[in-house]
Amino acid sequence: EDSLGVVRTTIEDGKVLAGGGAPEVELSLALRDYAD
């Protein structure tokens, strides 16, 4: 059920991110810069 949902979403949106905690670390750094 989870896999069906993510494949559907990917086809509909056409955008993905690398996993393994990568987006969260990148966002954390970007938000610290933004906080200034």
PDB file of all heavy atoms in Angstrom:
ATOM      1  N   GLU A   1       0.840  -1.206   0.000  1.00  0.00           N
ATOM      2  CA  GLU A   1       0.000   0.000   0.000  1.00  0.00           C
ATOM      3  C   GLU A   1       0.874   1.254   0.000  1.00  0.00           C
ATOM      4  O   GLU A   1       0.599   2.226  -0.710  1.00  0.00           O
ATOM      5  CB  GLU A   1      -0.934  -0.003   1.210  1.00  0.00           C
ATOM      6  CG  GLU A   1      -2.031  -1.059   1.170  1.00  0.00           C
ATOM      7  CD  GLU A   1      -3.156  -0.712   0.224  1.00  0.00           C
ATOM      8  OE1 GLU A   1      -3.114   0.379  -0.381  1.00  0.00           O
ATOM      9  OE2 GLU A   1      -4.068  -1.528   0.083  1.00  0.00           O
ATOM     10  N   ASP A   2       1.933   1.246   0.814  1.00  0.00           N
ATOM     11  CA  ASP A   2       2.850   2.388   0.855  1.00  0.00           C
ATOM     12  C   ASP A   2       3.524   2.580  -0.502  1.00  0.00           C
ATOM     13  O   ASP A   2       3.640   3.711  -1.010  1.00  0.00           O
ATOM     14  CB  ASP A   2       3.930   2.178   1.929  1.00  0.00           C
ATOM     15  CG  ASP A   2       3.362   2.304   3.341  1.00  0.00           C
ATOM     16  OD1 ASP A   2       2.197   2.703   3.481  1.00  0.00           O
ATOM     17  OD2 ASP A   2       4.093   2.012   4.300  1.00  0.00           O
ATOM     18  N   SER A   3       3.969   1.488  -1.097  1.00  0.00           N
ATOM     19  CA  SER A   3       4.671   1.569  -2.377  1.00  0.00           C
ATOM     20  C   SER A   3       3.752   2.064  -3.490  1.00  0.00           C
ATOM     21  O   SER A   3       4.157   2.865  -4.338  1.00  0.00           O
ATOM     22  CB  SER A   3       5.243   0.200  -2.761  1.00  0.00           C
ATOM     23  OG  SER A   3       6.318  -0.140  -1.918  1.00  0.00           O
ATOM     24  N   LEU A   4       2.525   1.574  -3.501  1.00  0.00           N
ATOM     25  CA  LEU A   4       1.562   2.046  -4.499  1.00  0.00           C
ATOM     26  C   LEU A   4       1.374   3.555  -4.381  1.00  0.00           C
ATOM     27  O   LEU A   4       1.321   4.275  -5.390  1.00  0.00           O
ATOM     28  CB  LEU A   4       0.210   1.339  -4.313  1.00  0.00           C
ATOM     29  CG  LEU A   4       0.145  -0.142  -4.688  1.00  0.00           C
ATOM     30  CD1 LEU A   4      -1.181  -0.741  -4.217  1.00  0.00           C
ATOM     31  CD2 LEU A   4       0.290  -0.322  -6.189  1.00  0.00           C
ATOM     32  N   GLY A   5       1.292   4.042  -3.141  1.00  0.00           N
ATOM     33  CA  GLY A   5       1.085   5.468  -2.911  1.00  0.00           C
ATOM     34  C   GLY A   5       2.252   6.311  -3.410  1.00  0.00           C
ATOM     35  O   GLY A   5       2.050   7.347  -4.061  1.00  0.00           O
ATOM     36  N   VAL A   6       3.486   5.872  -3.126  1.00  0.00           N
ATOM     37  CA  VAL A   6       4.640   6.697  -3.517  1.00  0.00           C
ATOM     38  C   VAL A   6       4.880   6.662  -5.022  1.00  0.00           C
ATOM     39  O   VAL A   6       5.286   7.667  -5.614  1.00  0.00           O
ATOM     40  CB  VAL A   6       5.931   6.286  -2.751  1.00  0.00           C
ATOM     41  CG1 VAL A   6       5.781   6.548  -1.267  1.00  0.00           C
ATOM     42  CG2 VAL A   6       6.305   4.838  -3.010  1.00  0.00           C
ATOM     43  N   VAL A   7       4.624   5.520  -5.656  1.00  0.00           N
ATOM     44  CA  VAL A   7       4.779   5.452  -7.114  1.00  0.00           C
ATOM     45  C   VAL A   7       3.722   6.339  -7.783  1.00  0.00           C
ATOM     46  O   VAL A   7       4.020   7.076  -8.734  1.00  0.00           O
ATOM     47  CB  VAL A   7       4.676   3.992  -7.604  1.00  0.00           C
ATOM     48  CG1 VAL A   7       4.649   3.944  -9.133  1.00  0.00           C
ATOM     49  CG2 VAL A   7       5.846   3.168  -7.080  1.00  0.00           C
ATOM     50  N   ARG A   8       2.494   6.270  -7.307  1.00  0.00           N
ATOM     51  CA  ARG A   8       1.440   7.144  -7.843  1.00  0.00           C
ATOM     52  C   ARG A   8       1.825   8.612  -7.696  1.00  0.00           C
ATOM     53  O   ARG A   8       1.716   9.402  -8.643  1.00  0.00           O
ATOM     54  CB  ARG A   8       0.119   6.875  -7.108  1.00  0.00           C
ATOM     55  CG  ARG A   8      -0.964   7.902  -7.428  1.00  0.00           C
ATOM     56  CD  ARG A   8      -2.210   7.650  -6.588  1.00  0.00           C
ATOM     57  NE  ARG A   8      -1.950   7.736  -5.159  1.00  0.00           N
ATOM     58  CZ  ARG A   8      -1.926   8.872  -4.477  1.00  0.00           C
ATOM     59  NH1 ARG A   8      -2.116  10.032  -5.089  1.00  0.00           N
ATOM     60  NH2 ARG A   8      -1.709   8.868  -3.176  1.00  0.00           N
ATOM     61  N   THR A   9       2.284   8.968  -6.501  1.00  0.00           N
ATOM     62  CA  THR A   9       2.661  10.361  -6.239  1.00  0.00           C
ATOM     63  C   THR A   9       3.803  10.810  -7.138  1.00  0.00           C
ATOM     64  O   THR A   9       3.802  11.936  -7.656  1.00  0.00           O
ATOM     65  CB  THR A   9       3.070  10.511  -4.762  1.00  0.00           C
ATOM     66  OG1 THR A   9       1.975  10.121  -3.930  1.00  0.00           O
ATOM     67  CG2 THR A   9       3.447  11.945  -4.438  1.00  0.00           C
ATOM     68  N   THR A  10       4.781   9.942  -7.339  1.00  0.00           N
ATOM     69  CA  THR A  10       5.928  10.287  -8.185  1.00  0.00           C
ATOM     70  C   THR A  10       5.497  10.527  -9.630  1.00  0.00           C
ATOM     71  O   THR A  10       5.939  11.487 -10.276  1.00  0.00           O
ATOM     72  CB  THR A  10       6.984   9.175  -8.133  1.00  0.00           C
ATOM     73  OG1 THR A  10       7.402   8.973  -6.775  1.00  0.00           O
ATOM     74  CG2 THR A  10       8.196   9.542  -8.968  1.00  0.00           C
ATOM     75  N   ILE A  11       4.633   9.666 -10.139  1.00  0.00           N
ATOM     76  CA  ILE A  11       4.158   9.838 -11.519  1.00  0.00           C
ATOM     77  C   ILE A  11       3.355  11.129 -11.647  1.00  0.00           C
ATOM     78  O   ILE A  11       3.472  11.859 -12.638  1.00  0.00           O
ATOM     79  CB  ILE A  11       3.314   8.616 -11.945  1.00  0.00           C
ATOM     80  CG1 ILE A  11       4.207   7.365 -12.039  1.00  0.00           C
ATOM     81  CG2 ILE A  11       2.624   8.876 -13.278  1.00  0.00           C
ATOM     82  CD1 ILE A  11       3.453   6.083 -12.339  1.00  0.00           C
ATOM     83  N   GLU A  12       2.542  11.421 -10.645  1.00  0.00           N
ATOM     84  CA  GLU A  12       1.706  12.627 -10.703  1.00  0.00           C
ATOM     85  C   GLU A  12       2.534  13.906 -10.587  1.00  0.00           C
ATOM     86  O   GLU A  12       2.291  14.879 -11.312  1.00  0.00           O
ATOM     87  CB  GLU A  12       0.663  12.590  -9.585  1.00  0.00           C
ATOM     88  CG  GLU A  12      -0.434  11.554  -9.797  1.00  0.00           C
ATOM     89  CD  GLU A  12      -1.409  11.486  -8.639  1.00  0.00           C
ATOM     90  OE1 GLU A  12      -1.110  12.048  -7.558  1.00  0.00           O
ATOM     91  OE2 GLU A  12      -2.471  10.868  -8.807  1.00  0.00           O
ATOM     92  N   ASP A  13       3.503  13.935  -9.675  1.00  0.00           N
ATOM     93  CA  ASP A  13       4.265  15.158  -9.406  1.00  0.00           C
ATOM     94  C   ASP A  13       5.539  15.277 -10.231  1.00  0.00           C
ATOM     95  O   ASP A  13       5.990  16.380 -10.547  1.00  0.00           O
ATOM     96  CB  ASP A  13       4.628  15.243  -7.915  1.00  0.00           C
ATOM     97  CG  ASP A  13       3.408  15.348  -7.023  1.00  0.00           C
ATOM     98  OD1 ASP A  13       2.306  15.571  -7.565  1.00  0.00           O
ATOM     99  OD2 ASP A  13       3.545  15.214  -5.789  1.00  0.00           O
ATOM    100  N   GLY A  14       6.157  14.134 -10.527  1.00  0.00           N
ATOM    101  CA  GLY A  14       7.388  14.160 -11.321  1.00  0.00           C
ATOM    102  C   GLY A  14       8.596  14.696 -10.584  1.00  0.00           C
ATOM    103  O   GLY A  14       9.556  15.155 -11.212  1.00  0.00           O
ATOM    104  N   LYS A  15       8.573  14.665  -9.250  1.00  0.00           N
ATOM    105  CA  LYS A  15       9.705  15.176  -8.469  1.00  0.00           C
ATOM    106  C   LYS A  15      10.006  14.238  -7.309  1.00  0.00           C
ATOM    107  O   LYS A  15       9.092  13.790  -6.606  1.00  0.00           O
ATOM    108  CB  LYS A  15       9.403  16.575  -7.932  1.00  0.00           C
ATOM    109  CG  LYS A  15       9.371  17.661  -9.007  1.00  0.00           C
ATOM    110  CD  LYS A  15       9.138  19.024  -8.406  1.00  0.00           C
ATOM    111  CE  LYS A  15       9.105  20.116  -9.472  1.00  0.00           C
ATOM    112  NZ  LYS A  15      10.397  20.281 -10.156  1.00  0.00           N
ATOM    113  N   VAL A  16      11.304  13.974  -7.096  1.00  0.00           N
ATOM    114  CA  VAL A  16      11.736  13.113  -5.995  1.00  0.00           C
ATOM    115  C   VAL A  16      12.907  13.761  -5.265  1.00  0.00           C
ATOM    116  O   VAL A  16      13.508  14.726  -5.744  1.00  0.00           O
ATOM    117  CB  VAL A  16      12.156  11.711  -6.497  1.00  0.00           C
ATOM    118  CG1 VAL A  16      10.999  11.011  -7.168  1.00  0.00           C
ATOM    119  CG2 VAL A  16      13.354  11.798  -7.438  1.00  0.00           C
ATOM    120  N   LEU A  17      13.204  13.192  -4.102  1.00  0.00           N
ATOM    121  CA  LEU A  17      14.339  13.632  -3.292  1.00  0.00           C
ATOM    122  C   LEU A  17      15.178  12.423  -2.926  1.00  0.00           C
ATOM    123  O   LEU A  17      14.660  11.302  -2.842  1.00  0.00           O
ATOM    124  CB  LEU A  17      13.846  14.304  -2.000  1.00  0.00           C
ATOM    125  CG  LEU A  17      13.024  15.590  -2.124  1.00  0.00           C
ATOM    126  CD1 LEU A  17      12.339  15.876  -0.798  1.00  0.00           C
ATOM    127  CD2 LEU A  17      13.906  16.758  -2.522  1.00  0.00           C
ATOM    128  N   ALA A  18      16.450  12.633  -2.687  1.00  0.00           N
ATOM    129  CA  ALA A  18      17.279  11.567  -2.128  1.00  0.00           C
ATOM    130  C   ALA A  18      16.820  11.298  -0.702  1.00  0.00           C
ATOM    131  O   ALA A  18      16.369  12.206   0.004  1.00  0.00           O
ATOM    132  CB  ALA A  18      18.745  11.980  -2.151  1.00  0.00           C
ATOM    133  N   GLY A  19      16.906  10.046  -0.257  1.00  0.00           N
ATOM    134  CA  GLY A  19      16.435   9.687   1.076  1.00  0.00           C
ATOM    135  C   GLY A  19      17.562   9.597   2.090  1.00  0.00           C
ATOM    136  O   GLY A  19      18.573  10.292   1.990  1.00  0.00           O
ATOM    137  N   GLY A  20      17.375   8.730   3.085  1.00  0.00           N
ATOM    138  CA  GLY A  20      18.418   8.488   4.076  1.00  0.00           C
ATOM    139  C   GLY A  20      18.739   9.667   4.970  1.00  0.00           C
ATOM    140  O   GLY A  20      19.856   9.790   5.466  1.00  0.00           O
ATOM    141  N   GLY A  21      17.769  10.557   5.187  1.00  0.00           N
ATOM    142  CA  GLY A  21      18.000  11.716   6.053  1.00  0.00           C
ATOM    143  C   GLY A  21      18.625  12.900   5.337  1.00  0.00           C
ATOM    144  O   GLY A  21      18.828  13.955   5.940  1.00  0.00           O
ATOM    145  N   ALA A  22      18.925  12.750   4.033  1.00  0.00           N
ATOM    146  CA  ALA A  22      19.584  13.829   3.292  1.00  0.00           C
ATOM    147  C   ALA A  22      18.744  15.109   3.225  1.00  0.00           C
ATOM    148  O   ALA A  22      19.270  16.201   3.472  1.00  0.00           O
ATOM    149  CB  ALA A  22      19.951  13.354   1.887  1.00  0.00           C
ATOM    150  N   PRO A  23      17.437  15.029   2.909  1.00  0.00           N
ATOM    151  CA  PRO A  23      16.657  16.274   2.810  1.00  0.00           C
ATOM    152  C   PRO A  23      16.595  17.034   4.131  1.00  0.00           C
ATOM    153  O   PRO A  23      16.670  18.277   4.147  1.00  0.00           O
ATOM    154  CB  PRO A  23      15.262  15.795   2.389  1.00  0.00           C
ATOM    155  CG  PRO A  23      15.462  14.439   1.825  1.00  0.00           C
ATOM    156  CD  PRO A  23      16.612  13.859   2.567  1.00  0.00           C
ATOM    157  N   GLU A  24      16.489  16.299   5.234  1.00  0.00           N
ATOM    158  CA  GLU A  24      16.349  16.957   6.535  1.00  0.00           C
ATOM    159  C   GLU A  24      17.625  17.704   6.926  1.00  0.00           C
ATOM    160  O   GLU A  24      17.568  18.819   7.459  1.00  0.00           O
ATOM    161  CB  GLU A  24      15.994  15.929   7.616  1.00  0.00           C
ATOM    162  CG  GLU A  24      14.573  15.392   7.534  1.00  0.00           C
ATOM    163  CD  GLU A  24      14.390  14.299   6.510  1.00  0.00           C
ATOM    164  OE1 GLU A  24      15.415  13.823   5.942  1.00  0.00           O
ATOM    165  OE2 GLU A  24      13.244  13.906   6.246  1.00  0.00           O
ATOM    166  N   VAL A  25      18.784  17.100   6.656  1.00  0.00           N
ATOM    167  CA  VAL A  25      20.044  17.780   6.979  1.00  0.00           C
ATOM    168  C   VAL A  25      20.219  19.014   6.096  1.00  0.00           C
ATOM    169  O   VAL A  25      20.638  20.085   6.568  1.00  0.00           O
ATOM    170  CB  VAL A  25      21.242  16.817   6.810  1.00  0.00           C
ATOM    171  CG1 VAL A  25      22.551  17.544   7.084  1.00  0.00           C
ATOM    172  CG2 VAL A  25      21.108  15.622   7.750  1.00  0.00           C
ATOM    173  N   GLU A  26      19.886  18.882   4.813  1.00  0.00           N
ATOM    174  CA  GLU A  26      19.993  20.022   3.888  1.00  0.00           C
ATOM    175  C   GLU A  26      19.053  21.149   4.321  1.00  0.00           C
ATOM    176  O   GLU A  26      19.427  22.332   4.310  1.00  0.00           O
ATOM    177  CB  GLU A  26      19.658  19.563   2.461  1.00  0.00           C
ATOM    178  CG  GLU A  26      19.879  20.611   1.394  1.00  0.00           C
ATOM    179  CD  GLU A  26      21.348  20.958   1.188  1.00  0.00           C
ATOM    180  OE1 GLU A  26      22.214  20.145   1.567  1.00  0.00           O
ATOM    181  OE2 GLU A  26      21.621  22.062   0.652  1.00  0.00           O
ATOM    182  N   LEU A  27      17.831  20.783   4.716  1.00  0.00           N
ATOM    183  CA  LEU A  27      16.879  21.793   5.185  1.00  0.00           C
ATOM    184  C   LEU A  27      17.355  22.461   6.460  1.00  0.00           C
ATOM    185  O   LEU A  27      17.194  23.675   6.650  1.00  0.00           O
ATOM    186  CB  LEU A  27      15.510  21.143   5.442  1.00  0.00           C
ATOM    187  CG  LEU A  27      14.655  20.799   4.230  1.00  0.00           C
ATOM    188  CD1 LEU A  27      13.332  20.214   4.681  1.00  0.00           C
ATOM    189  CD2 LEU A  27      14.414  22.016   3.369  1.00  0.00           C
ATOM    190  N   SER A  28      17.920  21.660   7.356  1.00  0.00           N
ATOM    191  CA  SER A  28      18.405  22.204   8.630  1.00  0.00           C
ATOM    192  C   SER A  28      19.454  23.292   8.393  1.00  0.00           C
ATOM    193  O   SER A  28      19.406  24.370   9.001  1.00  0.00           O
ATOM    194  CB  SER A  28      18.982  21.072   9.483  1.00  0.00           C
ATOM    195  OG  SER A  28      19.462  21.565  10.705  1.00  0.00           O
ATOM    196  N   LEU A  29      20.389  23.027   7.481  1.00  0.00           N
ATOM    197  CA  LEU A  29      21.418  24.018   7.166  1.00  0.00           C
ATOM    198  C   LEU A  29      20.816  25.255   6.501  1.00  0.00           C
ATOM    199  O   LEU A  29      21.172  26.396   6.818  1.00  0.00           O
ATOM    200  CB  LEU A  29      22.477  23.403   6.250  1.00  0.00           C
ATOM    201  CG  LEU A  29      23.324  22.272   6.862  1.00  0.00           C
ATOM    202  CD1 LEU A  29      24.239  21.669   5.801  1.00  0.00           C
ATOM    203  CD2 LEU A  29      24.154  22.791   8.031  1.00  0.00           C
ATOM    204  N   ALA A  30      19.864  25.021   5.584  1.00  0.00           N
ATOM    205  CA  ALA A  30      19.235  26.145   4.889  1.00  0.00           C
ATOM    206  C   ALA A  30      18.441  27.019   5.855  1.00  0.00           C
ATOM    207  O   ALA A  30      18.458  28.257   5.754  1.00  0.00           O
ATOM    208  CB  ALA A  30      18.329  25.614   3.779  1.00  0.00           C
ATOM    209  N   LEU A  31      17.773  26.396   6.821  1.00  0.00           N
ATOM    210  CA  LEU A  31      16.957  27.158   7.771  1.00  0.00           C
ATOM    211  C   LEU A  31      17.832  27.948   8.752  1.00  0.00           C
ATOM    212  O   LEU A  31      17.445  29.040   9.189  1.00  0.00           O
ATOM    213  CB  LEU A  31      16.021  26.220   8.538  1.00  0.00           C
ATOM    214  CG  LEU A  31      14.832  25.678   7.734  1.00  0.00           C
ATOM    215  CD1 LEU A  31      14.048  24.663   8.564  1.00  0.00           C
ATOM    216  CD2 LEU A  31      13.920  26.811   7.295  1.00  0.00           C
ATOM    217  N   ARG A  32      18.996  27.425   9.086  1.00  0.00           N
ATOM    218  CA  ARG A  32      19.885  28.185   9.972  1.00  0.00           C
ATOM    219  C   ARG A  32      20.397  29.443   9.254  1.00  0.00           C
ATOM    220  O   ARG A  32      20.546  30.500   9.878  1.00  0.00           O
ATOM    221  CB  ARG A  32      21.048  27.309  10.430  1.00  0.00           C
ATOM    222  CG  ARG A  32      20.637  26.242  11.437  1.00  0.00           C
ATOM    223  CD  ARG A  32      21.838  25.588  12.118  1.00  0.00           C
ATOM    224  NE  ARG A  32      21.374  24.605  13.097  1.00  0.00           N
ATOM    225  CZ  ARG A  32      21.208  23.316  12.836  1.00  0.00           C
ATOM    226  NH1 ARG A  32      21.483  22.858  11.626  1.00  0.00           N
ATOM    227  NH2 ARG A  32      20.776  22.485  13.765  1.00  0.00           N
ATOM    228  N   ASP A  33      20.653  29.308   7.966  1.00  0.00           N
ATOM    229  CA  ASP A  33      21.036  30.494   7.193  1.00  0.00           C
ATOM    230  C   ASP A  33      19.871  31.483   7.114  1.00  0.00           C
ATOM    231  O   ASP A  33      20.049  32.697   7.226  1.00  0.00           O
ATOM    232  CB  ASP A  33      21.465  30.093   5.772  1.00  0.00           C
ATOM    233  CG  ASP A  33      22.792  29.353   5.767  1.00  0.00           C
ATOM    234  OD1 ASP A  33      23.546  29.476   6.758  1.00  0.00           O
ATOM    235  OD2 ASP A  33      23.066  28.622   4.790  1.00  0.00           O
ATOM    236  N   TYR A  34      18.688  30.929   6.903  1.00  0.00           N
ATOM    237  CA  TYR A  34      17.488  31.770   6.791  1.00  0.00           C
ATOM    238  C   TYR A  34      17.185  32.490   8.103  1.00  0.00           C
ATOM    239  O   TYR A  34      16.722  33.645   8.108  1.00  0.00           O
ATOM    240  CB  TYR A  34      16.307  30.897   6.369  1.00  0.00           C
ATOM    241  CG  TYR A  34      14.956  31.579   6.459  1.00  0.00           C
ATOM    242  CD1 TYR A  34      14.619  32.611   5.586  1.00  0.00           C
ATOM    243  CD2 TYR A  34      14.023  31.186   7.417  1.00  0.00           C
ATOM    244  CE1 TYR A  34      13.379  33.234   5.662  1.00  0.00           C
ATOM    245  CE2 TYR A  34      12.792  31.800   7.505  1.00  0.00           C
ATOM    246  CZ  TYR A  34      12.467  32.825   6.629  1.00  0.00           C
ATOM    247  OH  TYR A  34      11.248  33.446   6.711  1.00  0.00           O
ATOM    248  N   ALA A  35      17.475  31.833   9.223  1.00  0.00           N
ATOM    249  CA  ALA A  35      17.163  32.411  10.538  1.00  0.00           C
ATOM    250  C   ALA A  35      17.876  33.745  10.751  1.00  0.00           C
ATOM    251  O   ALA A  35      17.351  34.636  11.435  1.00  0.00           O
ATOM    252  CB  ALA A  35      17.544  31.428  11.647  1.00  0.00           C
ATOM    253  N   ASP A  36      19.046  33.917  10.158  1.00  0.00           N
ATOM    254  CA  ASP A  36      19.792  35.171  10.316  1.00  0.00           C
ATOM    255  C   ASP A  36      19.033  36.363   9.739  1.00  0.00           C
ATOM    256  O   ASP A  36      19.255  37.508  10.146  1.00  0.00           O
ATOM    257  CB  ASP A  36      21.161  35.062   9.626  1.00  0.00           C
ATOM    258  CG  ASP A  36      22.064  34.048  10.329  1.00  0.00           C
ATOM    259  OD1 ASP A  36      21.822  33.785  11.529  1.00  0.00           O
ATOM    260  OD2 ASP A  36      22.985  33.520   9.675  1.00  0.00           O
TER     261      ASP A  36
END
